[in-house]
PDB file of N, CA and C in Angstrom:
ATOM      1  N   UNK A   1     -18.251   8.852  11.896  1.00  0.00           N
ATOM      2  CA  UNK A   1     -16.899   8.705  12.091  1.00  0.00           C
ATOM      3  C   UNK A   1     -16.427   9.302  13.461  1.00  0.00           C
ATOM      4  N   UNK A   2     -15.396   8.861  13.865  1.00  0.00           N
ATOM      5  CA  UNK A   2     -14.768   9.252  15.219  1.00  0.00           C
ATOM      6  C   UNK A   2     -14.531  10.767  15.284  1.00  0.00           C
ATOM      7  N   UNK A   3     -14.171  11.357  14.083  1.00  0.00           N
ATOM      8  CA  UNK A   3     -13.818  12.886  14.150  1.00  0.00           C
ATOM      9  C   UNK A   3     -15.050  13.617  14.271  1.00  0.00           C
ATOM     10  N   UNK A   4     -16.295  13.034  13.935  1.00  0.00           N
ATOM     11  CA  UNK A   4     -17.525  13.745  14.135  1.00  0.00           C
ATOM     12  C   UNK A   4     -17.956  13.892  15.576  1.00  0.00           C
ATOM     13  N   UNK A   5     -17.331  13.015  16.488  1.00  0.00           N
ATOM     14  CA  UNK A   5     -17.724  13.296  17.882  1.00  0.00           C
ATOM     15  C   UNK A   5     -16.523  13.921  18.630  1.00  0.00           C
ATOM     16  N   UNK A   6     -15.562  14.464  17.787  1.00  0.00           N
ATOM     17  CA  UNK A   6     -14.538  15.265  18.464  1.00  0.00           C
ATOM     18  C   UNK A   6     -13.159  14.704  18.596  1.00  0.00           C
ATOM     19  N   UNK A   7     -12.890  13.534  18.007  1.00  0.00           N
ATOM     20  CA  UNK A   7     -11.606  12.947  18.041  1.00  0.00           C
ATOM     21  C   UNK A   7     -10.586  13.819  17.189  1.00  0.00           C
ATOM     22  N   UNK A   8      -9.467  14.089  17.733  1.00  0.00           N
ATOM     23  CA  UNK A   8      -8.407  14.892  17.018  1.00  0.00           C
ATOM     24  C   UNK A   8      -7.537  13.982  16.169  1.00  0.00           C
ATOM     25  N   UNK A   9      -7.479  12.718  16.518  1.00  0.00           N
ATOM     26  CA  UNK A   9      -6.685  11.721  15.708  1.00  0.00           C
ATOM     27  C   UNK A   9      -7.319  10.321  15.947  1.00  0.00           C
ATOM     28  N   UNK A  10      -7.015   9.445  15.032  1.00  0.00           N
ATOM     29  CA  UNK A  10      -7.442   8.048  15.151  1.00  0.00           C
ATOM     30  C   UNK A  10      -6.097   7.279  15.409  1.00  0.00           C
ATOM     31  N   UNK A  11      -6.064   6.395  16.396  1.00  0.00           N
ATOM     32  CA  UNK A  11      -4.910   5.603  16.687  1.00  0.00           C
ATOM     33  C   UNK A  11      -5.129   4.175  16.734  1.00  0.00           C
ATOM     34  N   UNK A  12      -5.311   3.519  15.563  1.00  0.00           N
ATOM     35  CA  UNK A  12      -5.500   2.047  15.515  1.00  0.00           C
ATOM     36  C   UNK A  12      -4.278   1.272  15.902  1.00  0.00           C
ATOM     37  N   UNK A  13      -4.542   0.086  16.355  1.00  0.00           N
ATOM     38  CA  UNK A  13      -3.424  -0.832  16.728  1.00  0.00           C
ATOM     39  C   UNK A  13      -3.049  -1.685  15.411  1.00  0.00           C
ATOM     40  N   UNK A  14      -1.737  -1.761  15.214  1.00  0.00           N
ATOM     41  CA  UNK A  14      -1.245  -2.556  14.125  1.00  0.00           C
ATOM     42  C   UNK A  14      -1.365  -4.076  14.480  1.00  0.00           C
ATOM     43  N   UNK A  15      -1.244  -4.315  15.699  1.00  0.00           N
ATOM     44  CA  UNK A  15      -1.356  -5.634  16.399  1.00  0.00           C
ATOM     45  C   UNK A  15      -1.429  -5.378  17.870  1.00  0.00           C
ATOM     46  N   UNK A  16      -1.426  -6.413  18.600  1.00  0.00           N
ATOM     47  CA  UNK A  16      -1.591  -6.241  20.015  1.00  0.00           C
ATOM     48  C   UNK A  16      -0.397  -5.408  20.643  1.00  0.00           C
ATOM     49  N   UNK A  17      -0.797  -4.546  21.598  1.00  0.00           N
ATOM     50  CA  UNK A  17       0.251  -3.656  22.233  1.00  0.00           C
ATOM     51  C   UNK A  17       1.355  -4.443  22.841  1.00  0.00           C
ATOM     52  N   UNK A  18       2.568  -4.036  22.567  1.00  0.00           N
ATOM     53  CA  UNK A  18       3.695  -4.621  23.067  1.00  0.00           C
ATOM     54  C   UNK A  18       4.061  -5.966  22.486  1.00  0.00           C
ATOM     55  N   UNK A  19       3.316  -6.344  21.416  1.00  0.00           N
ATOM     56  CA  UNK A  19       3.615  -7.731  20.802  1.00  0.00           C
ATOM     57  C   UNK A  19       4.722  -7.739  19.779  1.00  0.00           C
ATOM     58  N   UNK A  20       4.921  -6.570  19.105  1.00  0.00           N
ATOM     59  CA  UNK A  20       5.945  -6.523  18.046  1.00  0.00           C
ATOM     60  C   UNK A  20       5.585  -7.340  16.897  1.00  0.00           C
ATOM     61  N   UNK A  21       4.392  -7.650  16.702  1.00  0.00           N
ATOM     62  CA  UNK A  21       3.934  -8.508  15.552  1.00  0.00           C
ATOM     63  C   UNK A  21       3.747  -7.850  14.238  1.00  0.00           C
ATOM     64  N   UNK A  22       3.941  -6.474  14.204  1.00  0.00           N
ATOM     65  CA  UNK A  22       3.845  -5.716  12.954  1.00  0.00           C
ATOM     66  C   UNK A  22       2.390  -5.495  12.669  1.00  0.00           C
ATOM     67  N   UNK A  23       2.220  -5.003  11.401  1.00  0.00           N
ATOM     68  CA  UNK A  23       0.836  -4.709  10.815  1.00  0.00           C
ATOM     69  C   UNK A  23       0.241  -5.972  10.337  1.00  0.00           C
ATOM     70  N   UNK A  24      -0.697  -6.483  11.218  1.00  0.00           N
ATOM     71  CA  UNK A  24      -1.251  -7.844  10.805  1.00  0.00           C
ATOM     72  C   UNK A  24      -2.406  -7.617   9.807  1.00  0.00           C
ATOM     73  N   UNK A  25      -3.048  -6.534   9.645  1.00  0.00           N
ATOM     74  CA  UNK A  25      -4.047  -6.360   8.690  1.00  0.00           C
ATOM     75  C   UNK A  25      -4.068  -5.053   7.972  1.00  0.00           C
ATOM     76  N   UNK A  26      -3.070  -4.924   7.031  1.00  0.00           N
ATOM     77  CA  UNK A  26      -2.961  -3.657   6.313  1.00  0.00           C
ATOM     78  C   UNK A  26      -4.146  -3.183   5.580  1.00  0.00           C
ATOM     79  N   UNK A  27      -5.046  -4.122   5.201  1.00  0.00           N
ATOM     80  CA  UNK A  27      -6.261  -3.713   4.546  1.00  0.00           C
ATOM     81  C   UNK A  27      -7.236  -2.992   5.424  1.00  0.00           C
ATOM     82  N   UNK A  28      -7.422  -3.423   6.651  1.00  0.00           N
ATOM     83  CA  UNK A  28      -8.211  -2.675   7.622  1.00  0.00           C
ATOM     84  C   UNK A  28      -7.610  -1.313   7.856  1.00  0.00           C
ATOM     85  N   UNK A  29      -6.241  -1.288   8.037  1.00  0.00           N
ATOM     86  CA  UNK A  29      -5.569   0.032   8.368  1.00  0.00           C
ATOM     87  C   UNK A  29      -5.785   0.920   7.152  1.00  0.00           C
ATOM     88  N   UNK A  30      -5.752   0.448   5.987  1.00  0.00           N
ATOM     89  CA  UNK A  30      -5.892   1.383   4.724  1.00  0.00           C
ATOM     90  C   UNK A  30      -7.342   1.854   4.742  1.00  0.00           C
ATOM     91  N   UNK A  31      -8.390   1.076   5.076  1.00  0.00           N
ATOM     92  CA  UNK A  31      -9.689   1.513   5.092  1.00  0.00           C
ATOM     93  C   UNK A  31      -9.835   2.683   6.054  1.00  0.00           C
ATOM     94  N   UNK A  32      -9.221   2.513   7.296  1.00  0.00           N
ATOM     95  CA  UNK A  32      -9.267   3.631   8.320  1.00  0.00           C
ATOM     96  C   UNK A  32      -8.691   4.898   7.668  1.00  0.00           C
ATOM     97  N   UNK A  33      -7.403   4.802   7.075  1.00  0.00           N
ATOM     98  CA  UNK A  33      -6.718   5.851   6.450  1.00  0.00           C
ATOM     99  C   UNK A  33      -7.559   6.549   5.473  1.00  0.00           C
ATOM    100  N   UNK A  34      -8.095   5.719   4.543  1.00  0.00           N
ATOM    101  CA  UNK A  34      -8.845   6.314   3.429  1.00  0.00           C
ATOM    102  C   UNK A  34     -10.113   7.032   3.835  1.00  0.00           C
ATOM    103  N   UNK A  35     -10.731   6.663   5.024  1.00  0.00           N
ATOM    104  CA  UNK A  35     -11.989   7.378   5.392  1.00  0.00           C
ATOM    105  C   UNK A  35     -11.764   8.346   6.514  1.00  0.00           C
ATOM    106  N   UNK A  36     -10.702   8.479   7.087  1.00  0.00           N
ATOM    107  CA  UNK A  36     -10.441   9.441   8.169  1.00  0.00           C
ATOM    108  C   UNK A  36     -10.286  10.852   7.710  1.00  0.00           C
ATOM    109  N   UNK A  37     -10.795  11.734   8.402  1.00  0.00           N
ATOM    110  CA  UNK A  37     -10.540  13.146   8.094  1.00  0.00           C
ATOM    111  C   UNK A  37      -9.608  13.781   9.121  1.00  0.00           C
ATOM    112  N   UNK A  38      -8.999  13.026   9.949  1.00  0.00           N
ATOM    113  CA  UNK A  38      -8.095  13.503  10.957  1.00  0.00           C
ATOM    114  C   UNK A  38      -6.815  12.597  10.841  1.00  0.00           C
ATOM    115  N   UNK A  39      -5.704  12.961  11.460  1.00  0.00           N
ATOM    116  CA  UNK A  39      -4.493  12.233  11.424  1.00  0.00           C
ATOM    117  C   UNK A  39      -4.706  10.689  11.994  1.00  0.00           C
ATOM    118  N   UNK A  40      -4.078   9.803  11.280  1.00  0.00           N
ATOM    119  CA  UNK A  40      -4.044   8.439  11.690  1.00  0.00           C
ATOM    120  C   UNK A  40      -2.642   8.001  12.179  1.00  0.00           C
ATOM    121  N   UNK A  41      -2.605   7.588  13.374  1.00  0.00           N
ATOM    122  CA  UNK A  41      -1.285   7.330  14.018  1.00  0.00           C
ATOM    123  C   UNK A  41      -1.335   5.872  14.530  1.00  0.00           C
ATOM    124  N   UNK A  42      -0.507   5.070  13.938  1.00  0.00           N
ATOM    125  CA  UNK A  42      -0.409   3.627  14.416  1.00  0.00           C
ATOM    126  C   UNK A  42       0.103   3.666  15.853  1.00  0.00           C
ATOM    127  N   UNK A  43      -0.609   2.960  16.817  1.00  0.00           N
ATOM    128  CA  UNK A  43      -0.338   3.002  18.165  1.00  0.00           C
ATOM    129  C   UNK A  43       0.186   1.840  18.814  1.00  0.00           C
ATOM    130  N   UNK A  44       0.280   0.714  18.195  1.00  0.00           N
ATOM    131  CA  UNK A  44       0.826  -0.503  18.945  1.00  0.00           C
ATOM    132  C   UNK A  44       1.164  -1.542  17.911  1.00  0.00           C
ATOM    133  N   UNK A  45       2.011  -2.484  18.222  1.00  0.00           N
ATOM    134  CA  UNK A  45       2.332  -3.653  17.474  1.00  0.00           C
ATOM    135  C   UNK A  45       3.558  -3.519  16.683  1.00  0.00           C
ATOM    136  N   UNK A  46       4.202  -2.315  16.511  1.00  0.00           N
ATOM    137  CA  UNK A  46       5.355  -2.138  15.686  1.00  0.00           C
ATOM    138  C   UNK A  46       6.501  -2.821  16.418  1.00  0.00           C
ATOM    139  N   UNK A  47       7.181  -3.705  15.657  1.00  0.00           N
ATOM    140  CA  UNK A  47       8.294  -4.451  16.272  1.00  0.00           C
ATOM    141  C   UNK A  47       9.654  -4.109  15.657  1.00  0.00           C
ATOM    142  N   UNK A  48       9.714  -3.549  14.477  1.00  0.00           N
ATOM    143  CA  UNK A  48      11.036  -3.221  13.837  1.00  0.00           C
ATOM    144  C   UNK A  48      10.747  -2.132  12.847  1.00  0.00           C
ATOM    145  N   UNK A  49      11.886  -1.574  12.320  1.00  0.00           N
ATOM    146  CA  UNK A  49      11.792  -0.362  11.445  1.00  0.00           C
ATOM    147  C   UNK A  49      10.971  -0.644  10.168  1.00  0.00           C
ATOM    148  N   UNK A  50      11.024  -1.904   9.729  1.00  0.00           N
ATOM    149  CA  UNK A  50      10.220  -2.119   8.380  1.00  0.00           C
ATOM    150  C   UNK A  50       8.688  -2.016   8.717  1.00  0.00           C
ATOM    151  N   UNK A  51       8.276  -2.364   9.953  1.00  0.00           N
ATOM    152  CA  UNK A  51       6.859  -2.207  10.327  1.00  0.00           C
ATOM    153  C   UNK A  51       6.435  -0.756  10.242  1.00  0.00           C
ATOM    154  N   UNK A  52       7.307   0.129  10.777  1.00  0.00           N
ATOM    155  CA  UNK A  52       7.056   1.545  10.755  1.00  0.00           C
ATOM    156  C   UNK A  52       6.981   2.073   9.384  1.00  0.00           C
ATOM    157  N   UNK A  53       7.917   1.617   8.449  1.00  0.00           N
ATOM    158  CA  UNK A  53       7.941   2.051   7.010  1.00  0.00           C
ATOM    159  C   UNK A  53       6.640   1.623   6.358  1.00  0.00           C
ATOM    160  N   UNK A  54       6.169   0.406   6.604  1.00  0.00           N
ATOM    161  CA  UNK A  54       4.909  -0.078   5.974  1.00  0.00           C
ATOM    162  C   UNK A  54       3.764   0.887   6.364  1.00  0.00           C
ATOM    163  N   UNK A  55       3.695   1.130   7.678  1.00  0.00           N
ATOM    164  CA  UNK A  55       2.639   1.984   8.193  1.00  0.00           C
ATOM    165  C   UNK A  55       2.608   3.282   7.452  1.00  0.00           C
ATOM    166  N   UNK A  56       3.792   3.860   7.236  1.00  0.00           N
ATOM    167  CA  UNK A  56       3.804   5.197   6.595  1.00  0.00           C
ATOM    168  C   UNK A  56       3.543   5.008   5.159  1.00  0.00           C
ATOM    169  N   UNK A  57       4.039   4.014   4.441  1.00  0.00           N
ATOM    170  CA  UNK A  57       3.681   3.793   3.101  1.00  0.00           C
ATOM    171  C   UNK A  57       2.224   3.591   2.828  1.00  0.00           C
ATOM    172  N   UNK A  58       1.489   2.952   3.782  1.00  0.00           N
ATOM    173  CA  UNK A  58       0.049   2.903   3.675  1.00  0.00           C
ATOM    174  C   UNK A  58      -0.576   4.233   3.772  1.00  0.00           C
ATOM    175  N   UNK A  59      -0.011   5.268   4.292  1.00  0.00           N
ATOM    176  CA  UNK A  59      -0.539   6.469   4.348  1.00  0.00           C
ATOM    177  C   UNK A  59      -0.820   7.053   5.776  1.00  0.00           C
ATOM    178  N   UNK A  60      -0.290   6.358   6.806  1.00  0.00           N
ATOM    179  CA  UNK A  60      -0.489   6.789   8.202  1.00  0.00           C
ATOM    180  C   UNK A  60       0.331   8.206   8.346  1.00  0.00           C
ATOM    181  N   UNK A  61      -0.196   8.932   9.219  1.00  0.00           N
ATOM    182  CA  UNK A  61       0.366  10.290   9.532  1.00  0.00           C
ATOM    183  C   UNK A  61       1.575  10.186  10.524  1.00  0.00           C
ATOM    184  N   UNK A  62       1.630   9.060  11.192  1.00  0.00           N
ATOM    185  CA  UNK A  62       2.725   8.906  12.185  1.00  0.00           C
ATOM    186  C   UNK A  62       2.580   7.460  12.835  1.00  0.00           C
ATOM    187  N   UNK A  63       3.629   7.187  13.566  1.00  0.00           N
ATOM    188  CA  UNK A  63       3.806   5.930  14.281  1.00  0.00           C
ATOM    189  C   UNK A  63       4.157   6.177  15.726  1.00  0.00           C
ATOM    190  N   UNK A  64       3.402   5.765  16.657  1.00  0.00           N
ATOM    191  CA  UNK A  64       3.728   5.858  18.061  1.00  0.00           C
ATOM    192  C   UNK A  64       4.415   4.572  18.542  1.00  0.00           C
ATOM    193  N   UNK A  65       5.598   4.767  19.122  1.00  0.00           N
ATOM    194  CA  UNK A  65       6.235   3.499  19.603  1.00  0.00           C
ATOM    195  C   UNK A  65       6.934   3.623  20.931  1.00  0.00           C
ATOM    196  N   UNK A  66       7.123   2.601  21.579  1.00  0.00           N
ATOM    197  CA  UNK A  66       7.911   2.502  22.838  1.00  0.00           C
ATOM    198  C   UNK A  66       8.593   1.189  22.864  1.00  0.00           C
ATOM    199  N   UNK A  67       7.893   0.089  22.920  1.00  0.00           N
ATOM    200  CA  UNK A  67       8.440  -1.187  23.248  1.00  0.00           C
ATOM    201  C   UNK A  67       9.440  -1.726  22.184  1.00  0.00           C
ATOM    202  N   UNK A  68       9.189  -1.376  20.844  1.00  0.00           N
ATOM    203  CA  UNK A  68      10.156  -1.819  19.834  1.00  0.00           C
ATOM    204  C   UNK A  68      11.491  -1.161  20.107  1.00  0.00           C
ATOM    205  N   UNK A  69      11.613   0.019  20.596  1.00  0.00           N
ATOM    206  CA  UNK A  69      12.806   0.666  20.871  1.00  0.00           C
ATOM    207  C   UNK A  69      13.366   0.224  22.300  1.00  0.00           C
ATOM    208  N   UNK A  70      12.570   0.304  23.256  1.00  0.00           N
ATOM    209  CA  UNK A  70      12.918  -0.084  24.668  1.00  0.00           C
ATOM    210  C   UNK A  70      13.475  -1.497  24.807  1.00  0.00           C
ATOM    211  N   UNK A  71      12.921  -2.415  24.066  1.00  0.00           N
ATOM    212  CA  UNK A  71      13.314  -3.843  24.151  1.00  0.00           C
ATOM    213  C   UNK A  71      14.360  -4.200  23.106  1.00  0.00           C
ATOM    214  N   UNK A  72      14.812  -3.384  22.289  1.00  0.00           N
ATOM    215  CA  UNK A  72      15.730  -3.666  21.286  1.00  0.00           C
ATOM    216  C   UNK A  72      17.124  -3.943  21.907  1.00  0.00           C
ATOM    217  N   UNK A  73      17.846  -4.792  21.277  1.00  0.00           N
ATOM    218  CA  UNK A  73      19.212  -5.120  21.658  1.00  0.00           C
ATOM    219  C   UNK A  73      20.096  -3.803  21.785  1.00  0.00           C
ATOM    220  N   UNK A  74      19.831  -2.950  20.841  1.00  0.00           N
ATOM    221  CA  UNK A  74      20.577  -1.684  20.910  1.00  0.00           C
ATOM    222  C   UNK A  74      19.552  -0.572  20.696  1.00  0.00           C
ATOM    223  N   UNK A  75      18.909  -0.092  21.738  1.00  0.00           N
ATOM    224  CA  UNK A  75      17.819   0.906  21.604  1.00  0.00           C
ATOM    225  C   UNK A  75      18.050   2.164  20.853  1.00  0.00           C
ATOM    226  N   UNK A  76      19.327   2.734  21.030  1.00  0.00           N
ATOM    227  CA  UNK A  76      19.668   3.913  20.288  1.00  0.00           C
ATOM    228  C   UNK A  76      19.788   3.706  18.779  1.00  0.00           C
ATOM    229  N   UNK A  77      20.348   2.527  18.394  1.00  0.00           N
ATOM    230  CA  UNK A  77      20.373   2.117  16.975  1.00  0.00           C
ATOM    231  C   UNK A  77      19.009   1.936  16.408  1.00  0.00           C
ATOM    232  N   UNK A  78      18.180   1.170  17.210  1.00  0.00           N
ATOM    233  CA  UNK A  78      16.783   0.956  16.778  1.00  0.00           C
ATOM    234  C   UNK A  78      16.003   2.353  16.576  1.00  0.00           C
ATOM    235  N   UNK A  79      16.172   3.231  17.492  1.00  0.00           N
ATOM    236  CA  UNK A  79      15.590   4.545  17.368  1.00  0.00           C
ATOM    237  C   UNK A  79      16.013   5.213  16.080  1.00  0.00           C
ATOM    238  N   UNK A  80      17.275   5.191  15.784  1.00  0.00           N
ATOM    239  CA  UNK A  80      17.773   5.721  14.523  1.00  0.00           C
ATOM    240  C   UNK A  80      17.053   5.102  13.351  1.00  0.00           C
ATOM    241  N   UNK A  81      17.021   3.800  13.414  1.00  0.00           N
ATOM    242  CA  UNK A  81      16.378   2.993  12.293  1.00  0.00           C
ATOM    243  C   UNK A  81      14.985   3.322  12.141  1.00  0.00           C
ATOM    244  N   UNK A  82      14.237   3.581  13.235  1.00  0.00           N
ATOM    245  CA  UNK A  82      12.833   3.855  13.149  1.00  0.00           C
ATOM    246  C   UNK A  82      12.692   5.206  12.533  1.00  0.00           C
ATOM    247  N   UNK A  83      13.478   6.206  12.879  1.00  0.00           N
ATOM    248  CA  UNK A  83      13.387   7.504  12.352  1.00  0.00           C
ATOM    249  C   UNK A  83      13.518   7.481  10.802  1.00  0.00           C
ATOM    250  N   UNK A  84      14.560   6.741  10.348  1.00  0.00           N
ATOM    251  CA  UNK A  84      14.787   6.603   8.941  1.00  0.00           C
ATOM    252  C   UNK A  84      13.701   5.921   8.243  1.00  0.00           C
ATOM    253  N   UNK A  85      13.115   4.896   8.857  1.00  0.00           N
ATOM    254  CA  UNK A  85      12.048   4.110   8.213  1.00  0.00           C
ATOM    255  C   UNK A  85      10.821   4.976   8.097  1.00  0.00           C
ATOM    256  N   UNK A  86      10.478   5.748   9.136  1.00  0.00           N
ATOM    257  CA  UNK A  86       9.231   6.649   9.073  1.00  0.00           C
ATOM    258  C   UNK A  86       9.465   7.565   7.910  1.00  0.00           C
ATOM    259  N   UNK A  87      10.685   8.221   7.859  1.00  0.00           N
ATOM    260  CA  UNK A  87      10.934   9.178   6.812  1.00  0.00           C
ATOM    261  C   UNK A  87      10.865   8.558   5.407  1.00  0.00           C
ATOM    262  N   UNK A  88      11.417   7.420   5.203  1.00  0.00           N
ATOM    263  CA  UNK A  88      11.449   6.630   3.958  1.00  0.00           C
ATOM    264  C   UNK A  88      10.066   6.252   3.604  1.00  0.00           C
ATOM    265  N   UNK A  89       9.233   5.705   4.551  1.00  0.00           N
ATOM    266  CA  UNK A  89       7.917   5.350   4.317  1.00  0.00           C
ATOM    267  C   UNK A  89       7.054   6.438   3.864  1.00  0.00           C
ATOM    268  N   UNK A  90       7.271   7.616   4.485  1.00  0.00           N
ATOM    269  CA  UNK A  90       6.344   8.750   4.158  1.00  0.00           C
ATOM    270  C   UNK A  90       6.735   9.261   2.770  1.00  0.00           C
ATOM    271  N   UNK A  91       8.080   9.281   2.431  1.00  0.00           N
ATOM    272  CA  UNK A  91       8.432   9.662   1.102  1.00  0.00           C
ATOM    273  C   UNK A  91       7.937   8.762   0.029  1.00  0.00           C
ATOM    274  N   UNK A  92       7.923   7.437   0.363  1.00  0.00           N
ATOM    275  CA  UNK A  92       7.390   6.540  -0.654  1.00  0.00           C
ATOM    276  C   UNK A  92       5.887   6.705  -0.858  1.00  0.00           C
ATOM    277  N   UNK A  93       5.170   6.950   0.232  1.00  0.00           N
ATOM    278  CA  UNK A  93       3.734   7.320   0.098  1.00  0.00           C
ATOM    279  C   UNK A  93       3.492   8.505  -0.683  1.00  0.00           C
ATOM    280  N   UNK A  94       4.280   9.580  -0.443  1.00  0.00           N
ATOM    281  CA  UNK A  94       4.052  10.820  -1.202  1.00  0.00           C
ATOM    282  C   UNK A  94       4.461  10.691  -2.681  1.00  0.00           C
ATOM    283  N   UNK A  95       5.525   9.812  -2.906  1.00  0.00           N
ATOM    284  CA  UNK A  95       6.033   9.600  -4.223  1.00  0.00           C
ATOM    285  C   UNK A  95       4.928   8.901  -5.051  1.00  0.00           C
ATOM    286  N   UNK A  96       4.224   7.930  -4.406  1.00  0.00           N
ATOM    287  CA  UNK A  96       3.224   7.104  -5.093  1.00  0.00           C
ATOM    288  C   UNK A  96       3.926   5.903  -5.664  1.00  0.00           C
ATOM    289  N   UNK A  97       3.468   4.690  -5.258  1.00  0.00           N
ATOM    290  CA  UNK A  97       4.004   3.504  -5.785  1.00  0.00           C
ATOM    291  C   UNK A  97       3.523   3.281  -7.219  1.00  0.00           C
ATOM    292  N   UNK A  98       4.323   2.425  -7.945  1.00  0.00           N
ATOM    293  CA  UNK A  98       3.858   2.012  -9.276  1.00  0.00           C
ATOM    294  C   UNK A  98       2.640   1.237  -9.212  1.00  0.00           C
ATOM    295  N   UNK A  99       1.821   1.169 -10.238  1.00  0.00           N
ATOM    296  CA  UNK A  99       0.581   0.365 -10.198  1.00  0.00           C
ATOM    297  C   UNK A  99       0.972  -1.140 -10.198  1.00  0.00           C
ATOM    298  N   UNK A 100       0.236  -1.833  -9.347  1.00  0.00           N
ATOM    299  CA  UNK A 100       0.422  -3.348  -9.386  1.00  0.00           C
ATOM    300  C   UNK A 100      -0.168  -3.904 -10.632  1.00  0.00           C
ATOM    301  N   UNK A 101       0.480  -4.883 -11.263  1.00  0.00           N
ATOM    302  CA  UNK A 101       0.034  -5.503 -12.406  1.00  0.00           C
ATOM    303  C   UNK A 101      -0.263  -6.962 -12.180  1.00  0.00           C
ATOM    304  N   UNK A 102      -1.433  -7.302 -12.586  1.00  0.00           N
ATOM    305  CA  UNK A 102      -1.817  -8.709 -12.254  1.00  0.00           C
ATOM    306  C   UNK A 102      -1.828  -9.594 -13.478  1.00  0.00           C
ATOM    307  N   UNK A 103      -0.707  -9.358 -14.356  1.00  0.00           N
ATOM    308  CA  UNK A 103      -0.551 -10.057 -15.573  1.00  0.00           C
ATOM    309  C   UNK A 103       1.047 -10.198 -15.704  1.00  0.00           C
ATOM    310  N   UNK A 104       1.439 -10.718 -16.875  1.00  0.00           N
ATOM    311  CA  UNK A 104       2.920 -10.883 -17.050  1.00  0.00           C
ATOM    312  C   UNK A 104       3.670  -9.581 -17.014  1.00  0.00           C
ATOM    313  N   UNK A 105       4.972  -9.715 -16.670  1.00  0.00           N
ATOM    314  CA  UNK A 105       5.755  -8.539 -16.502  1.00  0.00           C
ATOM    315  C   UNK A 105       6.058  -7.798 -17.808  1.00  0.00           C
ATOM    316  N   UNK A 106       6.215  -6.438 -17.747  1.00  0.00           N
ATOM    317  CA  UNK A 106       6.668  -5.678 -18.904  1.00  0.00           C
ATOM    318  C   UNK A 106       8.067  -5.317 -18.680  1.00  0.00           C
ATOM    319  N   UNK A 107       8.995  -5.749 -19.545  1.00  0.00           N
ATOM    320  CA  UNK A 107      10.434  -5.378 -19.330  1.00  0.00           C
ATOM    321  C   UNK A 107      10.592  -3.835 -19.528  1.00  0.00           C
ATOM    322  N   UNK A 108      11.437  -3.221 -18.707  1.00  0.00           N
ATOM    323  CA  UNK A 108      11.804  -1.890 -18.812  1.00  0.00           C
ATOM    324  C   UNK A 108      13.058  -1.637 -19.657  1.00  0.00           C
ATOM    325  N   UNK A 109      13.719  -2.742 -19.961  1.00  0.00           N
ATOM    326  CA  UNK A 109      14.905  -2.659 -20.709  1.00  0.00           C
ATOM    327  C   UNK A 109      14.592  -3.030 -22.212  1.00  0.00           C
ATOM    328  N   UNK A 110      15.311  -2.603 -23.242  1.00  0.00           N
ATOM    329  CA  UNK A 110      15.075  -2.888 -24.611  1.00  0.00           C
ATOM    330  C   UNK A 110      15.205  -4.484 -24.779  1.00  0.00           C
ATOM    331  N   UNK A 111      14.311  -4.990 -25.556  1.00  0.00           N
ATOM    332  CA  UNK A 111      14.289  -6.482 -25.886  1.00  0.00           C
ATOM    333  C   UNK A 111      14.851  -6.751 -27.339  1.00  0.00           C
ATOM    334  N   UNK A 112      15.084  -5.731 -28.093  1.00  0.00           N
ATOM    335  CA  UNK A 112      15.559  -6.007 -29.463  1.00  0.00           C
ATOM    336  C   UNK A 112      16.972  -6.307 -29.440  1.00  0.00           C
ATOM    337  N   UNK A 113      17.359  -7.235 -30.347  1.00  0.00           N
ATOM    338  CA  UNK A 113      18.744  -7.699 -30.429  1.00  0.00           C
ATOM    339  C   UNK A 113      19.041  -8.809 -29.503  1.00  0.00           C
ATOM    340  N   UNK A 114      18.141  -9.280 -28.766  1.00  0.00           N
ATOM    341  CA  UNK A 114      18.426 -10.379 -27.791  1.00  0.00           C
ATOM    342  C   UNK A 114      18.298 -11.695 -28.578  1.00  0.00           C
ATOM    343  N   UNK A 115      18.971 -12.653 -28.157  1.00  0.00           N
ATOM    344  CA  UNK A 115      19.006 -14.012 -28.754  1.00  0.00           C
ATOM    345  C   UNK A 115      17.542 -14.560 -28.627  1.00  0.00           C
ATOM    346  N   UNK A 116      16.971 -14.942 -29.775  1.00  0.00           N
ATOM    347  CA  UNK A 116      15.662 -15.462 -29.794  1.00  0.00           C
ATOM    348  C   UNK A 116      14.582 -14.324 -29.963  1.00  0.00           C
ATOM    349  N   UNK A 117      15.003 -13.100 -30.215  1.00  0.00           N
ATOM    350  CA  UNK A 117      13.952 -12.076 -30.510  1.00  0.00           C
ATOM    351  C   UNK A 117      13.895 -11.777 -31.904  1.00  0.00           C
TER     352      UNK A 117
END
């Protein structure tokens, strides 16, 4: 692993630098996160706040960005959105998502007393 040769962090690209295409392969990013013993910081490809939130939800330790903010129509507003997205994504990761179910949905509301029940 990269940390074994002295890397203090791993900085994979979400997509091409400056492209704003977002996280093109979340599965590969998750493999890196799951196997790294050092911080993982997404280094390129983030285009909007939702991309940053997804990176953090996947378990990244941070998101490095420039172009998404610098080229936004309103850079100050985009910077604010990015900050909130990173915080929300990290909290979602720490909270733990509900398990995915690959079968029919289970209602969370009572079903007794409904017409046809």
